[in-house]
């Protein structure tokens, strides 16, 4: 089994994914995490808590989330 993705990996994957699918930000964190894994942005499904934290960080930085 692969290692869980790091927080930094999640933030990076989320930035890239939201650039192409901004509507994803409106989904529950668990669904976003599954999407990141299913579409090849991350090797395993991330912890939804980290996904929520990453979304907040991107939003606080003035990003598209």
N, C-alpha and C. Protein backbone atom coordinates (compact mmCIF):
# COMPACT_ATOMS: atom_id res chain seq x y z
N UNK A 1 0.84 -1.19 0.00
CA UNK A 1 0.00 0.00 0.00
C UNK A 1 0.89 1.25 0.00
N UNK A 2 0.46 2.25 -0.74
CA UNK A 2 1.23 3.49 -0.83
C UNK A 2 1.07 4.32 0.43
N UNK A 3 2.07 5.16 0.65
CA UNK A 3 2.02 6.10 1.78
C UNK A 3 0.94 7.14 1.55
N UNK A 4 0.38 7.63 2.63
CA UNK A 4 -0.59 8.72 2.52
C UNK A 4 0.13 9.97 2.00
N UNK A 5 -0.54 10.75 1.16
CA UNK A 5 0.11 11.95 0.63
C UNK A 5 0.35 12.98 1.74
N UNK A 6 1.45 13.71 1.60
CA UNK A 6 1.76 14.76 2.58
C UNK A 6 0.82 15.95 2.37
N UNK A 7 0.76 16.79 3.38
CA UNK A 7 -0.06 17.99 3.28
C UNK A 7 0.37 18.84 2.08
N UNK A 8 1.67 18.98 1.89
CA UNK A 8 2.19 19.78 0.76
C UNK A 8 1.75 19.18 -0.57
N UNK A 9 1.76 17.85 -0.66
CA UNK A 9 1.31 17.18 -1.89
C UNK A 9 -0.17 17.46 -2.14
N UNK A 10 -0.95 17.46 -1.07
CA UNK A 10 -2.39 17.72 -1.20
C UNK A 10 -2.63 19.15 -1.69
N UNK A 11 -1.93 20.11 -1.09
CA UNK A 11 -2.08 21.51 -1.50
C UNK A 11 -1.73 21.66 -2.98
N UNK A 12 -0.62 21.09 -3.39
CA UNK A 12 -0.20 21.19 -4.80
C UNK A 12 -1.23 20.55 -5.73
N UNK A 13 -1.66 19.33 -5.40
CA UNK A 13 -2.63 18.62 -6.24
C UNK A 13 -3.93 19.41 -6.32
N UNK A 14 -4.35 19.96 -5.22
CA UNK A 14 -5.59 20.71 -5.18
C UNK A 14 -5.51 21.97 -6.04
N UNK A 15 -4.39 22.67 -5.97
CA UNK A 15 -4.22 23.87 -6.81
C UNK A 15 -4.30 23.52 -8.29
N UNK A 16 -3.62 22.45 -8.67
CA UNK A 16 -3.61 22.05 -10.07
C UNK A 16 -5.02 21.61 -10.49
N UNK A 17 -5.65 20.81 -9.67
CA UNK A 17 -6.99 20.28 -10.01
C UNK A 17 -8.03 21.39 -10.07
N UNK A 18 -7.99 22.33 -9.12
CA UNK A 18 -8.97 23.41 -9.13
C UNK A 18 -8.79 24.35 -10.31
N UNK A 19 -7.59 24.45 -10.84
CA UNK A 19 -7.36 25.28 -12.02
C UNK A 19 -8.17 24.76 -13.20
N UNK A 20 -8.31 23.44 -13.28
CA UNK A 20 -9.06 22.84 -14.39
C UNK A 20 -10.51 22.51 -14.06
N UNK A 21 -10.83 22.46 -12.77
CA UNK A 21 -12.19 22.10 -12.35
C UNK A 21 -12.58 22.92 -11.12
N UNK A 22 -12.77 24.23 -11.28
CA UNK A 22 -13.05 25.09 -10.12
C UNK A 22 -14.33 24.72 -9.38
N UNK A 23 -15.28 24.10 -10.06
CA UNK A 23 -16.53 23.71 -9.40
C UNK A 23 -16.30 22.64 -8.34
N UNK A 24 -15.17 21.98 -8.37
CA UNK A 24 -14.85 20.93 -7.41
C UNK A 24 -14.82 21.47 -5.98
N UNK A 25 -14.47 22.75 -5.82
CA UNK A 25 -14.36 23.34 -4.48
C UNK A 25 -15.68 23.29 -3.71
N UNK A 26 -16.80 23.13 -4.41
CA UNK A 26 -18.11 23.09 -3.76
C UNK A 26 -18.49 21.70 -3.27
N UNK A 27 -17.64 20.72 -3.52
CA UNK A 27 -17.91 19.34 -3.11
C UNK A 27 -17.41 19.10 -1.69
N UNK A 28 -17.95 18.07 -1.01
CA UNK A 28 -17.41 17.70 0.31
C UNK A 28 -15.94 17.29 0.21
N UNK A 29 -15.19 17.53 1.27
CA UNK A 29 -13.75 17.24 1.27
C UNK A 29 -13.46 15.78 0.92
N UNK A 30 -14.27 14.86 1.41
CA UNK A 30 -14.05 13.44 1.11
C UNK A 30 -14.17 13.18 -0.39
N UNK A 31 -15.15 13.81 -1.04
CA UNK A 31 -15.33 13.65 -2.49
C UNK A 31 -14.17 14.27 -3.26
N UNK A 32 -13.69 15.42 -2.79
CA UNK A 32 -12.55 16.07 -3.44
C UNK A 32 -11.32 15.18 -3.34
N UNK A 33 -11.09 14.62 -2.15
CA UNK A 33 -9.95 13.71 -1.97
C UNK A 33 -10.03 12.51 -2.89
N UNK A 34 -11.22 11.94 -3.01
CA UNK A 34 -11.39 10.80 -3.91
C UNK A 34 -11.13 11.21 -5.35
N UNK A 35 -11.61 12.38 -5.74
CA UNK A 35 -11.38 12.89 -7.10
C UNK A 35 -9.89 13.06 -7.38
N UNK A 36 -9.15 13.61 -6.40
CA UNK A 36 -7.71 13.80 -6.60
C UNK A 36 -7.00 12.47 -6.83
N UNK A 37 -7.42 11.43 -6.11
CA UNK A 37 -6.81 10.12 -6.30
C UNK A 37 -7.29 9.49 -7.62
N UNK A 38 -8.57 9.52 -7.87
CA UNK A 38 -9.14 8.86 -9.05
C UNK A 38 -8.61 9.46 -10.35
N UNK A 39 -8.30 10.74 -10.34
CA UNK A 39 -7.81 11.40 -11.54
C UNK A 39 -6.29 11.47 -11.62
N UNK A 40 -5.61 10.78 -10.71
CA UNK A 40 -4.15 10.66 -10.80
C UNK A 40 -3.35 11.80 -10.21
N UNK A 41 -3.99 12.68 -9.47
CA UNK A 41 -3.24 13.79 -8.86
C UNK A 41 -2.52 13.35 -7.60
N UNK A 42 -3.04 12.32 -6.93
CA UNK A 42 -2.42 11.76 -5.74
C UNK A 42 -2.45 10.24 -5.83
N UNK A 43 -1.46 9.55 -5.26
CA UNK A 43 -1.40 8.09 -5.35
C UNK A 43 -2.43 7.37 -4.47
N UNK A 44 -2.83 8.01 -3.38
CA UNK A 44 -3.84 7.43 -2.49
C UNK A 44 -4.80 8.53 -2.07
N UNK A 45 -5.95 8.13 -1.55
CA UNK A 45 -6.94 9.12 -1.12
C UNK A 45 -6.46 9.83 0.15
N UNK A 46 -6.45 11.16 0.14
CA UNK A 46 -5.96 11.91 1.30
C UNK A 46 -6.99 11.98 2.42
N UNK A 47 -6.53 12.32 3.60
CA UNK A 47 -7.40 12.53 4.75
C UNK A 47 -8.28 13.76 4.47
N UNK A 48 -9.61 13.62 4.59
CA UNK A 48 -10.50 14.77 4.33
C UNK A 48 -10.19 16.00 5.18
N UNK A 49 -9.69 15.79 6.39
CA UNK A 49 -9.33 16.91 7.25
C UNK A 49 -8.22 17.74 6.60
N UNK A 50 -7.25 17.06 6.00
CA UNK A 50 -6.15 17.77 5.32
C UNK A 50 -6.65 18.45 4.06
N UNK A 51 -7.61 17.84 3.38
CA UNK A 51 -8.19 18.46 2.18
C UNK A 51 -8.89 19.76 2.57
N UNK A 52 -9.67 19.74 3.65
CA UNK A 52 -10.35 20.95 4.11
C UNK A 52 -9.35 22.04 4.48
N UNK A 53 -8.28 21.64 5.18
CA UNK A 53 -7.24 22.59 5.57
C UNK A 53 -6.56 23.20 4.34
N UNK A 54 -6.29 22.37 3.34
CA UNK A 54 -5.65 22.85 2.12
C UNK A 54 -6.58 23.82 1.38
N UNK A 55 -7.87 23.51 1.33
CA UNK A 55 -8.83 24.42 0.68
C UNK A 55 -8.84 25.78 1.37
N UNK A 56 -8.83 25.76 2.69
CA UNK A 56 -8.81 27.03 3.43
C UNK A 56 -7.53 27.81 3.18
N UNK A 57 -6.41 27.10 3.13
CA UNK A 57 -5.13 27.78 2.87
C UNK A 57 -5.13 28.44 1.50
N UNK A 58 -5.61 27.72 0.50
CA UNK A 58 -5.64 28.26 -0.86
C UNK A 58 -6.59 29.48 -0.90
N UNK A 59 -7.73 29.36 -0.24
CA UNK A 59 -8.69 30.48 -0.22
C UNK A 59 -8.09 31.68 0.50
N UNK A 60 -7.41 31.45 1.62
CA UNK A 60 -6.80 32.54 2.39
C UNK A 60 -5.71 33.25 1.60
N UNK A 61 -5.06 32.53 0.70
CA UNK A 61 -4.00 33.12 -0.13
C UNK A 61 -4.58 33.86 -1.32
N UNK A 62 -5.90 33.87 -1.44
CA UNK A 62 -6.53 34.54 -2.56
C UNK A 62 -6.62 33.67 -3.78
N UNK A 63 -6.49 32.36 -3.60
CA UNK A 63 -6.57 31.43 -4.72
C UNK A 63 -8.01 31.21 -5.14
N UNK A 64 -8.19 30.26 -6.01
CA UNK A 64 -9.49 30.03 -6.61
C UNK A 64 -10.40 29.13 -5.80
N UNK A 65 -10.00 28.74 -4.62
CA UNK A 65 -10.84 27.83 -3.83
C UNK A 65 -11.78 28.59 -2.93
